[in-house]
N, C-alpha and C. Protein backbone atom coordinates (compact mmCIF):
# COMPACT_ATOMS: atom_id res chain seq x y z
N UNK A 1 -20.11 5.08 -18.85
CA UNK A 1 -18.66 5.22 -18.44
C UNK A 1 -18.23 6.15 -19.34
N UNK A 2 -17.41 7.28 -18.73
CA UNK A 2 -17.25 8.37 -19.45
C UNK A 2 -16.13 8.20 -20.57
N UNK A 3 -16.15 8.67 -21.77
CA UNK A 3 -15.29 8.54 -23.05
C UNK A 3 -14.28 9.57 -22.89
N UNK A 4 -13.32 9.46 -23.52
CA UNK A 4 -12.24 10.32 -23.42
C UNK A 4 -12.42 11.12 -24.88
N UNK A 5 -12.07 12.53 -24.92
CA UNK A 5 -12.16 13.28 -25.85
C UNK A 5 -12.06 12.87 -27.15
N UNK A 6 -12.95 13.34 -28.15
CA UNK A 6 -13.00 12.57 -29.52
C UNK A 6 -11.56 13.00 -30.08
N UNK A 7 -11.07 14.05 -30.15
CA UNK A 7 -9.78 14.55 -30.39
C UNK A 7 -8.72 14.68 -29.27
N UNK A 8 -7.74 13.59 -29.07
CA UNK A 8 -6.86 13.36 -28.16
C UNK A 8 -6.05 14.49 -28.42
N UNK A 9 -5.92 15.58 -27.49
CA UNK A 9 -4.82 16.40 -27.47
C UNK A 9 -3.45 15.74 -27.63
N UNK A 10 -2.67 16.59 -28.28
CA UNK A 10 -1.25 16.16 -28.61
C UNK A 10 -0.44 16.21 -27.18
N UNK A 11 0.45 15.20 -27.03
CA UNK A 11 1.26 15.10 -25.69
C UNK A 11 2.03 16.30 -25.72
N UNK A 12 2.21 17.01 -24.53
CA UNK A 12 3.32 18.17 -24.45
C UNK A 12 4.51 17.43 -24.29
N UNK A 13 5.50 18.45 -24.55
CA UNK A 13 6.93 17.78 -24.47
C UNK A 13 7.27 17.72 -23.21
N UNK A 14 8.30 16.59 -23.02
CA UNK A 14 8.66 16.23 -21.69
C UNK A 14 9.33 17.51 -20.93
N UNK A 15 9.95 18.34 -21.68
CA UNK A 15 10.61 19.47 -20.94
C UNK A 15 9.67 20.53 -20.61
N UNK A 16 8.43 20.36 -21.06
CA UNK A 16 7.27 21.49 -20.57
C UNK A 16 6.15 20.88 -19.56
N UNK A 17 6.46 19.52 -19.04
CA UNK A 17 5.71 18.76 -18.02
C UNK A 17 6.04 19.35 -16.62
N UNK A 18 5.43 20.07 -16.00
CA UNK A 18 5.68 20.77 -14.76
C UNK A 18 5.46 19.62 -13.52
N UNK A 19 6.34 19.54 -12.69
CA UNK A 19 6.07 18.81 -11.71
C UNK A 19 4.90 18.99 -10.66
N UNK A 20 4.70 20.50 -10.54
CA UNK A 20 3.81 20.77 -9.69
C UNK A 20 2.29 20.73 -10.23
N UNK A 21 2.33 20.53 -11.56
CA UNK A 21 0.94 20.22 -12.26
C UNK A 21 0.69 18.76 -12.00
N UNK A 22 1.79 18.03 -12.13
CA UNK A 22 1.52 16.48 -11.95
C UNK A 22 0.96 16.29 -10.34
N UNK A 23 1.76 16.78 -9.59
CA UNK A 23 1.20 16.92 -8.09
C UNK A 23 -0.14 17.14 -7.77
N UNK A 24 -0.61 18.39 -8.53
CA UNK A 24 -1.90 18.75 -8.45
C UNK A 24 -2.95 17.89 -8.93
N UNK A 25 -2.50 17.09 -10.16
CA UNK A 25 -3.36 16.05 -10.58
C UNK A 25 -3.59 14.96 -9.48
N UNK A 26 -2.39 14.51 -9.13
CA UNK A 26 -2.40 13.46 -8.12
C UNK A 26 -3.25 13.65 -6.96
N UNK A 27 -3.17 14.77 -6.22
CA UNK A 27 -3.84 15.02 -5.16
C UNK A 27 -5.35 15.28 -5.58
N UNK A 28 -5.65 15.97 -6.49
CA UNK A 28 -6.97 16.29 -6.81
C UNK A 28 -7.77 15.03 -7.20
N UNK A 29 -6.96 14.23 -8.04
CA UNK A 29 -7.52 12.65 -8.51
C UNK A 29 -7.75 11.73 -7.35
N UNK A 30 -6.70 11.89 -6.38
CA UNK A 30 -7.09 11.06 -5.29
C UNK A 30 -8.22 11.52 -4.35
N UNK A 31 -8.57 12.62 -4.28
CA UNK A 31 -9.86 13.17 -3.35
C UNK A 31 -11.09 12.54 -4.43
N UNK A 32 -11.00 12.70 -5.63
CA UNK A 32 -12.35 12.39 -6.43
C UNK A 32 -12.31 10.88 -6.47
N UNK A 33 -11.19 10.14 -6.45
CA UNK A 33 -11.18 8.59 -6.58
C UNK A 33 -11.81 8.10 -4.95
N UNK A 34 -11.40 8.86 -3.93
CA UNK A 34 -11.79 8.36 -2.39
C UNK A 34 -13.31 8.79 -2.27
N UNK A 35 -13.57 9.76 -2.81
CA UNK A 35 -15.11 10.27 -2.78
C UNK A 35 -15.92 9.48 -3.46
N UNK A 36 -15.57 9.49 -4.88
CA UNK A 36 -16.62 8.68 -5.85
C UNK A 36 -16.48 7.30 -6.21
N UNK A 37 -15.28 6.89 -5.93
CA UNK A 37 -14.73 5.49 -6.48
C UNK A 37 -14.20 5.38 -7.88
N UNK A 38 -13.48 4.46 -8.20
CA UNK A 38 -13.01 4.73 -9.68
C UNK A 38 -13.75 4.90 -10.96
N UNK A 39 -14.82 3.70 -10.68
CA UNK A 39 -15.81 3.91 -11.84
C UNK A 39 -16.65 5.00 -12.03
N UNK A 40 -16.76 5.71 -11.00
CA UNK A 40 -17.87 6.92 -11.13
C UNK A 40 -17.12 8.20 -11.28
N UNK A 41 -15.93 8.25 -10.79
CA UNK A 41 -15.01 9.36 -10.98
C UNK A 41 -14.82 9.88 -12.52
N UNK A 42 -15.24 10.84 -12.71
CA UNK A 42 -15.36 11.64 -14.03
C UNK A 42 -13.92 12.59 -14.20
N UNK A 43 -13.54 12.51 -15.31
CA UNK A 43 -12.30 13.34 -15.73
C UNK A 43 -12.69 14.74 -15.64
N UNK A 44 -13.87 15.43 -15.86
CA UNK A 44 -14.31 16.46 -15.68
C UNK A 44 -13.90 16.99 -13.93
N UNK A 45 -14.60 15.97 -13.31
CA UNK A 45 -14.31 16.24 -11.82
C UNK A 45 -12.94 16.36 -11.35
N UNK A 46 -12.02 15.52 -11.96
CA UNK A 46 -10.75 15.35 -11.57
C UNK A 46 -10.00 16.69 -11.93
N UNK A 47 -10.34 17.24 -13.39
CA UNK A 47 -9.37 18.17 -13.72
C UNK A 47 -10.09 19.59 -12.97
N UNK A 48 -11.26 19.73 -12.49
CA UNK A 48 -11.78 20.92 -11.77
C UNK A 48 -11.19 20.78 -10.42
N UNK A 49 -10.93 19.59 -9.80
CA UNK A 49 -10.29 19.42 -8.44
C UNK A 49 -9.19 19.77 -8.51
N UNK A 50 -8.25 19.45 -9.53
CA UNK A 50 -6.91 19.72 -9.53
C UNK A 50 -6.67 21.13 -10.03
N UNK A 51 -7.66 21.71 -10.54
CA UNK A 51 -7.25 23.07 -11.14
C UNK A 51 -6.36 23.31 -12.27
N UNK A 52 -6.61 22.19 -13.41
CA UNK A 52 -5.84 22.06 -14.47
C UNK A 52 -6.58 21.75 -15.82
N UNK A 53 -6.15 21.62 -16.85
CA UNK A 53 -7.00 21.41 -18.23
C UNK A 53 -6.87 20.12 -18.37
N UNK A 54 -7.67 19.51 -19.19
CA UNK A 54 -7.80 17.95 -19.98
C UNK A 54 -6.32 17.72 -20.49
N UNK A 55 -5.83 18.80 -21.24
CA UNK A 55 -4.79 18.87 -21.85
C UNK A 55 -3.67 18.29 -21.15
N UNK A 56 -3.50 19.18 -19.87
CA UNK A 56 -2.53 18.99 -18.87
C UNK A 56 -2.74 17.52 -18.49
N UNK A 57 -3.82 17.18 -18.01
CA UNK A 57 -4.03 15.84 -17.48
C UNK A 57 -3.44 14.65 -18.25
N UNK A 58 -3.86 14.92 -19.61
CA UNK A 58 -3.55 13.84 -20.40
C UNK A 58 -2.15 13.77 -21.06
N UNK A 59 -1.36 14.98 -20.86
CA UNK A 59 0.02 15.29 -21.02
C UNK A 59 0.83 14.30 -19.90
N UNK A 60 0.30 14.05 -18.70
CA UNK A 60 0.96 13.40 -17.80
C UNK A 60 0.58 12.09 -17.55
N UNK A 61 -0.94 11.96 -17.90
CA UNK A 61 -1.37 10.30 -17.71
C UNK A 61 -2.33 9.94 -18.99
N UNK A 62 -1.88 8.89 -19.72
CA UNK A 62 -2.58 8.59 -20.61
C UNK A 62 -4.20 8.25 -20.49
N UNK A 63 -4.33 7.94 -19.24
CA UNK A 63 -5.80 7.40 -19.12
C UNK A 63 -6.29 7.38 -17.56
N UNK A 64 -7.36 7.07 -17.10
CA UNK A 64 -7.72 7.35 -15.80
C UNK A 64 -7.41 6.33 -15.17
N UNK A 65 -7.17 5.07 -15.83
CA UNK A 65 -6.58 3.74 -15.13
C UNK A 65 -5.07 4.32 -14.75
N UNK A 66 -4.20 4.85 -15.77
CA UNK A 66 -3.15 5.18 -15.43
C UNK A 66 -2.76 6.18 -14.42
N UNK A 67 -3.76 6.97 -14.22
CA UNK A 67 -3.75 7.97 -13.03
C UNK A 67 -4.03 7.29 -11.68
N UNK A 68 -4.92 6.50 -11.61
CA UNK A 68 -5.45 5.60 -10.41
C UNK A 68 -4.10 4.79 -10.13
N UNK A 69 -3.49 3.98 -11.25
CA UNK A 69 -2.19 3.44 -10.92
C UNK A 69 -1.42 4.10 -10.28
N UNK A 70 -0.82 5.25 -10.56
CA UNK A 70 0.23 6.15 -10.20
C UNK A 70 -0.21 6.70 -8.68
N UNK A 71 -1.63 6.83 -8.49
CA UNK A 71 -1.87 7.14 -7.07
C UNK A 71 -1.56 6.06 -6.15
N UNK A 72 -2.06 4.78 -6.85
CA UNK A 72 -1.81 3.63 -5.87
C UNK A 72 -0.18 3.42 -5.55
N UNK A 73 0.75 3.37 -6.66
CA UNK A 73 1.79 3.16 -6.54
C UNK A 73 2.75 4.34 -5.67
N UNK A 74 2.08 5.43 -5.70
CA UNK A 74 2.66 6.41 -4.81
C UNK A 74 2.51 5.94 -3.41
N UNK A 75 1.05 5.72 -3.02
CA UNK A 75 0.74 5.24 -1.72
C UNK A 75 1.61 4.00 -1.24
N UNK A 76 1.58 3.08 -1.93
CA UNK A 76 2.34 1.96 -1.54
C UNK A 76 3.94 2.19 -1.30
N UNK A 77 4.45 3.08 -2.11
CA UNK A 77 5.80 3.64 -1.89
C UNK A 77 5.95 4.04 -0.59
N UNK A 78 5.01 4.95 -0.09
CA UNK A 78 5.14 5.42 1.47
C UNK A 78 4.93 4.32 2.35
N UNK A 79 4.25 3.36 2.00
CA UNK A 79 4.38 2.02 2.91
C UNK A 79 5.70 1.59 3.03
N UNK A 80 6.26 1.20 1.73
CA UNK A 80 7.60 0.75 1.75
C UNK A 80 8.62 1.28 2.11
N UNK A 81 8.96 2.56 2.28
CA UNK A 81 9.85 3.36 2.47
C UNK A 81 10.51 2.96 3.93
N UNK A 82 9.48 3.22 4.90
CA UNK A 82 9.93 3.04 6.22
C UNK A 82 10.15 1.44 6.64
N UNK A 83 9.56 0.82 5.65
CA UNK A 83 9.91 -0.59 6.01
C UNK A 83 11.16 -1.13 5.38
N UNK A 84 11.52 -0.47 4.23
CA UNK A 84 13.04 -0.64 3.95
C UNK A 84 14.09 -0.17 4.86
N UNK A 85 13.59 0.93 5.53
CA UNK A 85 14.68 1.67 6.42
C UNK A 85 14.79 0.53 7.91
N UNK A 86 13.64 0.13 8.26
CA UNK A 86 13.54 -0.77 9.46
C UNK A 86 14.27 -2.24 9.17
N UNK A 87 14.19 -2.60 7.91
CA UNK A 87 14.61 -3.83 7.70
C UNK A 87 16.06 -4.13 7.42
N UNK A 88 17.02 -2.89 7.45
CA UNK A 88 18.28 -3.05 7.41
C UNK A 88 18.82 -2.58 8.70
N UNK A 89 18.02 -2.16 9.87
CA UNK A 89 18.53 -2.22 11.15
C UNK A 89 19.30 -3.59 11.99
N UNK A 90 20.39 -3.28 12.42
CA UNK A 90 21.05 -4.71 13.08
C UNK A 90 20.82 -4.65 14.36
N UNK A 91 19.78 -5.30 14.93
CA UNK A 91 19.33 -5.31 16.28
C UNK A 91 18.36 -6.52 16.63
N UNK A 92 17.86 -6.43 17.60
CA UNK A 92 16.95 -7.71 18.18
C UNK A 92 15.93 -7.81 17.15
N UNK A 93 15.81 -8.99 16.29
CA UNK A 93 14.84 -9.42 15.45
C UNK A 93 13.40 -9.26 15.97
N UNK A 94 13.06 -9.42 17.10
CA UNK A 94 11.67 -9.34 17.70
C UNK A 94 11.35 -7.91 17.75
N UNK A 95 12.32 -7.08 18.16
CA UNK A 95 11.94 -5.68 18.11
C UNK A 95 11.81 -5.25 16.51
N UNK A 96 12.64 -5.66 15.56
CA UNK A 96 12.64 -5.44 14.08
C UNK A 96 11.19 -5.46 13.66
N UNK A 97 10.54 -6.59 13.86
CA UNK A 97 9.32 -7.24 13.50
C UNK A 97 8.36 -6.59 14.28
N UNK A 98 8.45 -6.22 15.40
CA UNK A 98 7.23 -5.35 16.03
C UNK A 98 7.39 -3.95 15.20
N UNK A 99 8.48 -3.30 14.94
CA UNK A 99 8.66 -2.02 14.48
C UNK A 99 7.84 -2.19 12.99
N UNK A 100 8.43 -3.19 12.28
CA UNK A 100 7.87 -3.48 10.93
C UNK A 100 6.28 -3.42 10.76
N UNK A 101 5.74 -4.29 11.97
CA UNK A 101 4.38 -4.41 12.03
C UNK A 101 3.66 -2.99 12.47
N UNK A 102 4.27 -2.31 13.37
CA UNK A 102 3.76 -0.91 13.76
C UNK A 102 3.54 0.00 12.55
N UNK A 103 4.75 -0.15 11.48
CA UNK A 103 4.69 0.95 10.42
C UNK A 103 3.64 0.39 9.45
N UNK A 104 3.58 -0.86 9.23
CA UNK A 104 2.67 -1.49 8.55
C UNK A 104 1.15 -0.97 8.97
N UNK A 105 0.89 -1.21 10.06
CA UNK A 105 -0.43 -0.80 10.64
C UNK A 105 -0.62 0.49 10.59
N UNK A 106 0.11 1.39 10.82
CA UNK A 106 0.31 2.89 10.46
C UNK A 106 -0.50 3.19 9.09
N UNK A 107 -0.12 2.39 8.43
CA UNK A 107 -0.52 2.85 6.86
C UNK A 107 -1.62 2.30 6.68
N UNK A 108 -1.85 0.88 6.87
CA UNK A 108 -3.07 0.29 6.43
C UNK A 108 -4.39 0.55 7.30
N UNK A 109 -4.08 0.98 8.57
CA UNK A 109 -5.19 1.55 9.39
C UNK A 109 -5.40 2.97 9.44
N UNK A 110 -4.68 3.79 8.45
CA UNK A 110 -4.93 5.25 8.38
C UNK A 110 -6.04 5.44 7.57
N UNK A 111 -6.66 6.61 7.82
CA UNK A 111 -8.04 6.99 7.09
C UNK A 111 -7.89 6.88 5.47
N UNK A 112 -6.61 7.17 5.17
CA UNK A 112 -6.57 7.08 3.48
C UNK A 112 -6.08 5.82 3.16
N UNK A 113 -5.40 4.90 4.00
CA UNK A 113 -5.41 3.56 3.62
C UNK A 113 -6.58 2.62 3.55
N UNK A 114 -7.47 2.91 4.46
CA UNK A 114 -8.74 2.30 4.83
C UNK A 114 -9.46 2.77 3.45
N UNK A 115 -9.64 3.77 3.10
CA UNK A 115 -10.56 4.38 1.93
C UNK A 115 -9.97 3.84 0.61
N UNK A 116 -8.56 3.79 0.48
CA UNK A 116 -8.10 3.30 -0.75
C UNK A 116 -8.43 1.78 -0.83
N UNK A 117 -8.10 0.99 0.09
CA UNK A 117 -8.44 -0.29 0.14
C UNK A 117 -9.85 -0.58 -0.20
N UNK A 118 -10.74 0.34 0.39
CA UNK A 118 -12.17 -0.07 -0.02
C UNK A 118 -12.54 0.08 -1.51
N UNK A 119 -11.93 1.38 -2.13
CA UNK A 119 -12.19 1.72 -3.50
C UNK A 119 -11.58 0.39 -4.36
N UNK A 120 -10.18 -0.04 -3.87
CA UNK A 120 -9.91 -1.01 -4.89
C UNK A 120 -10.64 -2.42 -4.89
N UNK A 121 -10.84 -2.76 -3.60
CA UNK A 121 -11.68 -3.91 -3.53
C UNK A 121 -13.01 -3.81 -4.23
N UNK A 122 -13.63 -2.60 -4.17
CA UNK A 122 -15.01 -2.56 -4.73
C UNK A 122 -14.87 -2.55 -6.41
N UNK A 123 -13.72 -1.90 -6.85
CA UNK A 123 -13.42 -1.98 -8.02
C UNK A 123 -12.69 -2.96 -9.02
N UNK A 124 -12.22 -3.88 -8.36
CA UNK A 124 -11.18 -4.84 -8.81
C UNK A 124 -12.08 -5.67 -9.65
N UNK A 125 -13.37 -6.24 -9.31
CA UNK A 125 -14.00 -7.23 -10.23
C UNK A 125 -14.15 -6.45 -11.53
N UNK A 126 -14.53 -5.44 -11.87
CA UNK A 126 -14.69 -4.65 -13.11
C UNK A 126 -13.34 -4.35 -13.79
N UNK A 127 -12.29 -3.68 -12.81
CA UNK A 127 -11.20 -3.36 -12.99
C UNK A 127 -10.12 -4.11 -12.42
N UNK A 128 -9.84 -5.22 -13.18
CA UNK A 128 -8.84 -6.16 -12.53
C UNK A 128 -7.30 -5.58 -12.65
N UNK A 129 -6.90 -4.67 -13.38
CA UNK A 129 -5.88 -4.27 -13.51
C UNK A 129 -5.64 -3.46 -12.17
N UNK A 130 -6.50 -2.78 -11.72
CA UNK A 130 -6.29 -1.66 -10.59
C UNK A 130 -5.83 -2.60 -9.41
N UNK A 131 -6.54 -3.90 -9.06
CA UNK A 131 -6.43 -4.75 -8.00
C UNK A 131 -4.78 -5.13 -8.32
N UNK A 132 -4.50 -5.66 -9.51
CA UNK A 132 -3.03 -6.12 -9.78
C UNK A 132 -1.98 -4.97 -9.38
N UNK A 133 -2.32 -3.79 -9.74
CA UNK A 133 -1.34 -2.78 -9.38
C UNK A 133 -1.02 -2.64 -7.92
N UNK A 134 -2.24 -2.64 -7.15
CA UNK A 134 -2.37 -2.56 -5.63
C UNK A 134 -1.73 -3.57 -5.09
N UNK A 135 -1.87 -4.96 -5.55
CA UNK A 135 -1.11 -5.91 -4.95
C UNK A 135 0.41 -5.92 -5.26
N UNK A 136 0.97 -5.73 -6.40
CA UNK A 136 2.16 -5.74 -7.12
C UNK A 136 2.95 -4.67 -6.56
N UNK A 137 2.40 -3.44 -6.08
CA UNK A 137 2.97 -2.43 -5.65
C UNK A 137 3.29 -2.16 -3.93
N UNK A 138 2.30 -2.76 -3.50
CA UNK A 138 2.33 -2.77 -1.92
C UNK A 138 2.36 -3.95 -1.28
N UNK A 139 1.50 -4.90 -1.35
CA UNK A 139 1.87 -6.26 -0.67
C UNK A 139 2.71 -7.15 -1.00
N UNK A 140 2.93 -7.13 -2.47
CA UNK A 140 4.24 -7.90 -2.76
C UNK A 140 5.51 -7.72 -2.62
N UNK A 141 5.94 -6.45 -2.86
CA UNK A 141 7.09 -5.87 -2.41
C UNK A 141 7.41 -6.01 -0.98
N UNK A 142 6.23 -5.63 -0.13
CA UNK A 142 6.40 -5.92 1.58
C UNK A 142 6.61 -7.27 1.85
N UNK A 143 6.16 -8.09 1.05
CA UNK A 143 6.38 -9.55 1.69
C UNK A 143 7.75 -9.75 1.30
N UNK A 144 8.20 -9.31 -0.11
CA UNK A 144 9.62 -9.66 -0.54
C UNK A 144 10.63 -9.18 0.52
N UNK A 145 10.39 -7.96 0.86
CA UNK A 145 11.42 -7.08 1.74
C UNK A 145 11.38 -7.84 3.06
N UNK A 146 10.38 -8.43 3.79
CA UNK A 146 10.50 -9.18 4.81
C UNK A 146 11.00 -10.46 4.57
N UNK A 147 10.84 -11.16 3.43
CA UNK A 147 11.37 -12.51 3.19
C UNK A 147 12.65 -12.31 2.98
N UNK A 148 13.40 -11.37 2.45
CA UNK A 148 14.83 -11.26 2.49
C UNK A 148 15.48 -11.08 3.88
N UNK A 149 14.92 -10.13 4.57
CA UNK A 149 15.06 -10.08 5.86
C UNK A 149 15.37 -11.35 6.65
N UNK A 150 14.31 -12.09 6.56
CA UNK A 150 14.29 -13.44 7.53
C UNK A 150 15.20 -14.39 6.64
N UNK A 151 15.55 -14.33 5.47
CA UNK A 151 16.55 -15.32 4.99
C UNK A 151 17.97 -15.05 5.40
N UNK A 152 18.08 -13.55 5.73
CA UNK A 152 19.43 -13.35 6.21
C UNK A 152 19.51 -13.88 7.73
N UNK A 153 18.51 -13.72 8.28
CA UNK A 153 18.56 -14.51 9.69
C UNK A 153 18.90 -16.09 9.64
N UNK A 154 18.08 -16.56 8.82
CA UNK A 154 18.36 -17.99 8.72
C UNK A 154 19.84 -18.31 8.36
N UNK A 155 20.49 -17.48 7.51
CA UNK A 155 21.65 -17.47 6.91
C UNK A 155 22.68 -17.36 8.08
N UNK A 156 22.24 -16.74 9.07
CA UNK A 156 23.12 -16.21 10.32
C UNK A 156 22.86 -17.20 11.37
N UNK A 157 21.94 -18.13 11.17
CA UNK A 157 21.90 -19.21 12.16
C UNK A 157 20.94 -18.98 13.09
N UNK A 158 20.21 -17.86 13.09
CA UNK A 158 19.22 -17.56 14.07
C UNK A 158 17.89 -18.42 14.09
N UNK A 159 17.41 -18.85 12.97
CA UNK A 159 16.45 -19.75 12.66
C UNK A 159 16.62 -21.12 11.82
N UNK A 160 15.90 -21.74 11.89
CA UNK A 160 15.62 -23.13 11.12
C UNK A 160 15.29 -22.55 9.49
N UNK A 161 15.64 -23.32 8.72
CA UNK A 161 15.26 -22.87 7.37
C UNK A 161 13.72 -23.23 7.02
N UNK A 162 13.09 -22.30 6.33
CA UNK A 162 11.69 -22.20 6.35
C UNK A 162 11.27 -21.47 5.05
N UNK A 163 10.11 -21.70 4.59
CA UNK A 163 9.65 -21.00 3.48
C UNK A 163 9.19 -19.52 3.92
N UNK A 164 10.47 -18.53 3.72
CA UNK A 164 10.51 -17.21 4.11
C UNK A 164 9.45 -16.43 3.44
N UNK A 165 9.02 -16.61 2.17
CA UNK A 165 8.18 -15.76 1.38
C UNK A 165 6.81 -16.03 2.11
N UNK A 166 6.28 -17.18 2.30
CA UNK A 166 5.03 -17.73 2.84
C UNK A 166 4.84 -17.14 4.31
N UNK A 167 6.04 -17.41 4.97
CA UNK A 167 6.03 -16.66 6.43
C UNK A 167 5.90 -15.34 6.66
N UNK A 168 6.39 -14.68 5.69
CA UNK A 168 6.31 -13.00 5.54
C UNK A 168 4.90 -12.81 5.15
N UNK A 169 4.43 -13.53 4.27
CA UNK A 169 2.93 -13.13 3.82
C UNK A 169 2.08 -13.30 5.36
N UNK A 170 2.30 -14.42 5.96
CA UNK A 170 1.45 -14.84 7.23
C UNK A 170 1.70 -13.87 8.14
N UNK A 171 2.92 -13.33 8.46
CA UNK A 171 3.18 -12.13 9.50
C UNK A 171 2.35 -11.20 9.32
N UNK A 172 2.28 -10.57 7.96
CA UNK A 172 1.57 -9.30 7.81
C UNK A 172 0.10 -9.56 8.00
N UNK A 173 -0.39 -10.61 7.41
CA UNK A 173 -1.84 -10.98 7.73
C UNK A 173 -2.18 -11.10 9.00
N UNK A 174 -1.14 -11.70 9.90
CA UNK A 174 -1.24 -11.94 11.37
C UNK A 174 -1.49 -10.55 12.15
N UNK A 175 -0.76 -9.78 11.73
CA UNK A 175 -0.89 -8.47 12.63
C UNK A 175 -1.98 -7.75 12.19
N UNK A 176 -2.42 -7.64 10.64
CA UNK A 176 -3.53 -7.02 10.39
C UNK A 176 -4.80 -7.37 11.13
N UNK A 177 -5.03 -8.82 11.07
CA UNK A 177 -6.09 -9.64 11.65
C UNK A 177 -7.58 -8.71 11.39
N UNK A 178 -8.28 -8.96 12.73
CA UNK A 178 -9.73 -8.27 12.62
C UNK A 178 -9.87 -7.04 12.83
N UNK A 179 -8.67 -6.24 13.11
CA UNK A 179 -8.57 -4.82 13.64
C UNK A 179 -8.94 -4.02 11.98
N UNK A 180 -8.07 -4.71 10.89
CA UNK A 180 -7.96 -4.02 9.86
C UNK A 180 -9.59 -4.48 9.20
N UNK A 181 -10.28 -5.45 9.38
CA UNK A 181 -11.35 -6.07 8.97
C UNK A 181 -12.48 -4.99 9.47
N UNK A 182 -12.56 -4.89 10.95
CA UNK A 182 -13.30 -3.93 11.58
C UNK A 182 -13.43 -2.73 11.02
N UNK A 183 -12.31 -2.18 10.75
CA UNK A 183 -12.17 -0.66 10.23
C UNK A 183 -12.97 -0.79 8.66
N UNK A 184 -12.48 -1.98 7.88
CA UNK A 184 -13.23 -1.87 6.45
C UNK A 184 -14.58 -1.85 6.54
N UNK A 185 -15.23 -2.72 7.54
CA UNK A 185 -16.80 -2.82 7.74
C UNK A 185 -17.40 -1.86 8.43
N UNK A 186 -16.50 -0.65 8.73
CA UNK A 186 -17.27 0.59 9.29
C UNK A 186 -17.74 -0.01 10.90
N UNK A 187 -17.13 -0.96 11.36
CA UNK A 187 -17.55 -1.48 12.77
C UNK A 187 -16.89 -0.58 13.83
N UNK A 188 -15.49 -0.14 13.43
CA UNK A 188 -14.62 0.77 14.28
C UNK A 188 -14.33 1.81 13.37
N UNK A 189 -13.95 2.76 13.84
CA UNK A 189 -13.31 4.15 13.14
C UNK A 189 -11.70 4.23 13.37
N UNK A 190 -11.35 3.80 14.57
CA UNK A 190 -10.13 3.59 14.93
C UNK A 190 -9.70 2.53 16.03
N UNK A 191 -8.32 2.23 16.20
CA UNK A 191 -7.99 1.01 16.96
C UNK A 191 -7.23 1.79 18.22
N UNK A 192 -7.63 1.40 19.30
CA UNK A 192 -6.72 2.02 20.69
C UNK A 192 -5.32 1.64 20.33
N UNK A 193 -4.40 2.51 20.61
CA UNK A 193 -2.98 2.34 20.44
C UNK A 193 -2.45 1.19 21.36
N UNK A 194 -2.89 1.12 22.83
CA UNK A 194 -2.56 0.04 23.48
C UNK A 194 -2.96 -1.49 22.83
N UNK A 195 -4.06 -1.36 22.07
CA UNK A 195 -4.55 -2.78 21.52
C UNK A 195 -3.70 -3.17 20.40
N UNK A 196 -2.96 -2.12 19.71
CA UNK A 196 -2.16 -2.31 18.52
C UNK A 196 -0.91 -2.95 19.16
N UNK A 197 -0.14 -2.35 20.04
CA UNK A 197 0.86 -2.91 20.80
C UNK A 197 0.80 -4.27 21.28
N UNK A 198 -0.56 -4.62 21.65
CA UNK A 198 -0.79 -6.11 22.16
C UNK A 198 -0.72 -7.01 21.02
N UNK A 199 -1.32 -6.39 19.88
CA UNK A 199 -1.61 -7.25 18.65
C UNK A 199 0.07 -7.56 18.01
N UNK A 200 0.71 -6.64 18.04
CA UNK A 200 2.05 -6.44 17.66
C UNK A 200 3.09 -7.46 18.34
N UNK A 201 2.89 -7.23 19.63
CA UNK A 201 3.83 -8.27 20.65
C UNK A 201 3.64 -9.90 20.41
N UNK A 202 2.03 -10.07 20.45
CA UNK A 202 1.64 -11.31 20.33
C UNK A 202 1.80 -11.76 18.98
N UNK A 203 1.76 -11.10 17.92
CA UNK A 203 2.00 -11.55 16.57
C UNK A 203 3.48 -12.06 16.50
N UNK A 204 4.34 -11.07 16.95
CA UNK A 204 5.64 -11.40 16.99
C UNK A 204 6.18 -12.64 17.62
N UNK A 205 5.59 -12.66 18.99
CA UNK A 205 6.04 -14.01 19.62
C UNK A 205 5.55 -15.21 19.06
N UNK A 206 4.36 -15.40 18.44
CA UNK A 206 3.61 -16.45 17.82
C UNK A 206 4.60 -16.73 16.59
N UNK A 207 4.93 -15.87 15.78
CA UNK A 207 5.93 -15.79 14.77
C UNK A 207 7.14 -16.46 14.96
N UNK A 208 7.89 -15.86 16.07
CA UNK A 208 9.13 -16.30 16.31
C UNK A 208 9.15 -17.62 16.74
N UNK A 209 8.00 -18.00 17.45
CA UNK A 209 8.08 -19.39 18.06
C UNK A 209 7.98 -20.32 16.99
N UNK A 210 7.27 -20.21 15.94
CA UNK A 210 7.12 -20.99 14.60
C UNK A 210 8.24 -21.33 13.86
N UNK A 211 9.36 -20.26 14.09
CA UNK A 211 10.57 -20.45 13.01
C UNK A 211 11.76 -20.54 13.75
N UNK A 212 11.77 -20.79 14.90
CA UNK A 212 12.84 -21.04 15.85
C UNK A 212 13.58 -22.18 15.54
N UNK A 213 14.73 -22.40 15.77
CA UNK A 213 15.55 -23.57 15.69
C UNK A 213 15.03 -24.64 16.75
N UNK A 214 15.04 -25.65 16.28
CA UNK A 214 14.63 -26.78 17.18
C UNK A 214 15.62 -26.64 18.46
N UNK A 215 16.91 -26.38 18.66
CA UNK A 215 17.71 -26.47 19.56
C UNK A 215 17.65 -25.28 20.42
N UNK A 216 16.86 -24.05 19.96
CA UNK A 216 16.82 -23.06 20.62
C UNK A 216 16.07 -23.10 22.00
N UNK A 217 16.73 -22.55 22.93
CA UNK A 217 16.23 -22.47 24.23
C UNK A 217 15.12 -21.67 24.36
């Protein structure tokens, strides 16, 4: 395992930290992590890829773990942003669920999403904090967001009372299904868009059937 410099450079003042340098570090580190994995990714490789010095890297990120965590949090935020926007639309619940599911699949089935997932799963046994960051930055808030939306629909009288948090987790698992697993296992490199739409509509119909009011027609 690579050791940090013996003499840890003094942190730069916050006013001297340049956003473009941080961006370069994140982009360069992401490429190295995706190529080599977290455990084998070296600081020397990261600074070379990013085009910065070690001093600059450590001024922005205290450790390799902190750097990887920032990449994961940023990636997860890209997932949550469209989900947040879709979740506040006042329209048909089935259409909203299908749109939420489509956005979710667009992220997790993307080349970047698949590769990041593989890296986290491979490294989590040795670096459990990475797995925790991945879960708490992406999966957990996504489920919380959908849970809040479902609770609002329950209060509006659309659905019977149910465990909205568990239901939200189940919905995302339902739409990911075997398509995500086949891509993780390199059985497929992409999913037919028509198949995705079928997964989404079937999942939404099954999900809504399970939470509808007993007196619904």
